[in-house]
C-alpha cells in the first residue's frame, strides 16, 4: 500500500508522465525531470510491489518492445477463475495499458482474445466502475485490486452495466445456456 501511495504521490507531483520542472534544483536553477525517467521509476515501483504481493494463480508483467526492452506502460496479465464457480479452471489473458496521465487516469483493461461476459465489450475491453474515472477510479487503486475486481466480476456480473448483448441476454434469459458458454470459454482458456 505504501509503495502505491508513493507512486501516486510521485506521479501526481506533475499530474502526468509528461515530465516536470523542478524549481528548487541545486544551485537555484530549474531542472527538467524527463518524462521517460520519471515514468520508468514510477512504473518500476508498481512492478516491484506486484512482484512482492500478488494473489496466487495470477500473473502480471510488462510486455517487451520489438527491441526487447521492457514496456512498463503495457502489461500482460492472467486472471484465474475462482474456485467453486463456473469459471474455475480457466486462466484469462488481459492486457493493461497505462495512459500517460496514470495514476490520475485509470488504465485500460482488455481481454485478448475478447471474453464472453456481460461486462466485457466485444472488443475485449472491461466495463468495471473502478476503471472509470467518472465513477470509482482513485489513483491509489493497485493492479492487484484491479485484477481481483475483474475476477469478482466473472461470477457476479453487473446487469446494470451491460457491454455485450449476447452474453447479457443469455445471462438474463437463459442461465443454463449462459453457463454452457462460460464452460466452453473455460475449456478454451485452461489454467496450466
Foldseek 3Di string as FASTA:
>chain_A
DVLLVVLLVLQVVQLFLQWDWDQPDPPRHIDIDHSVVSVVVSLVSLVVVCVVDADPLKDKAFDADPVRHGDSQKIKMWAQADPPALRHFFIWIKIWGHDRSPPLAATWIFTVVADLAFQAANNRTGRDQCNHNVGNPDRSDGPRNVSVRVNVCRRPPDLVHGRYVVLSCCVVPPVVVNSVVSNVVRVVGGRD
